[in-house]
Each structure stands twice: as C-alpha cells, then as structure tokens.
Protein backbone atom coordinates (compact mmCIF):
# COMPACT_ATOMS: atom_id res chain seq x y z
CA MET A 1 -0.02 0.04 -0.11
CA ASN A 2 1.61 3.39 -0.80
CA SER A 3 0.85 5.63 1.70
CA ALA A 4 2.52 8.58 0.20
CA LYS A 5 0.28 12.07 -0.17
CA THR A 6 -0.58 13.55 -3.51
CA VAL A 7 0.81 17.12 -4.22
CA ALA A 8 -2.82 18.28 -3.99
CA GLU A 9 -3.07 16.86 -0.13
CA ARG A 10 -0.02 18.30 0.66
CA GLN A 11 -0.98 21.58 -0.71
CA ARG A 12 -4.45 21.42 1.15
CA GLU A 13 -2.73 20.45 4.41
CA TYR A 14 -0.20 23.56 3.89
CA ARG A 15 -3.11 25.82 3.35
CA GLU A 16 -4.58 24.67 6.10
CA ARG A 17 -1.73 25.38 8.46
CA MET A 18 -1.33 28.77 7.16
CA GLN A 19 -5.20 29.53 7.32
CA ALA A 20 -4.83 28.40 11.02
CA LEU A 21 -2.03 30.83 11.62
CA GLY A 22 -4.51 33.34 10.60
CA LEU A 23 -2.70 34.12 7.38
CA LYS A 24 -4.59 34.67 4.03
CA GLU A 25 -2.98 33.39 0.77
CA LEU A 26 -2.32 36.36 -2.17
CA ARG A 27 -2.51 34.98 -5.26
CA ASN A 28 -1.95 36.56 -8.57
CA LEU A 29 0.63 38.70 -7.37
CA TRP A 30 2.78 39.87 -10.14
CA ALA A 31 6.48 41.27 -9.84
CA HIS A 32 9.44 41.34 -11.85
CA PRO A 33 11.79 38.16 -11.59
CA ASP A 34 14.60 40.40 -10.06
CA ASP A 35 12.14 41.63 -7.18
CA GLU A 36 10.97 37.91 -6.14
CA LYS A 37 14.04 37.69 -3.80
CA GLN A 38 13.58 40.87 -2.08
CA ILE A 39 9.33 40.18 -1.39
CA ARG A 40 10.51 36.86 0.13
CA LYS A 41 12.43 38.18 2.91
CA TYR A 42 9.91 41.09 3.07
CA VAL A 43 7.19 38.55 3.68
CA GLU A 44 9.50 36.86 6.16
CA LYS A 45 10.26 40.11 7.84
CA LEU A 46 6.29 40.74 8.14
CA ASN A 47 5.51 37.19 9.31
CA LYS A 48 8.41 37.13 11.79
CA LYS A 49 7.01 40.65 13.14
CA ARG A 50 3.56 39.50 13.80
CA ASN A 51 4.61 35.63 15.09
CA PRO A 52 7.55 36.48 17.07
C-alpha cells in the first residue's frame, strides 16, 4: 500500500496550516523576477514581526 500523499493533499494541508495561523494567501501577485527575493524576504520579515 502506498501511503505517500499527493501534491494536492500536501498543498491542502499546507493551506490549512497557514490559515490556522491567521494568514491569507495572496494569489496573482505579479512582480519582476529580479524582485522575487526581496519580496520573499519582506514577507518573512512581516511574518516574524506578527508571530515572534
């Protein structure tokens, strides 16, 4: 029996964990590829600020 989870199952569980933390998923956030690293760092900074 294969007990490995599908990508859809893992993604659903991930979304549920993030929602349980009170976070909201922002889709269709468009940015220049060169800005991706800065955006990710900023999101991490904001999350740390709200969830020390």
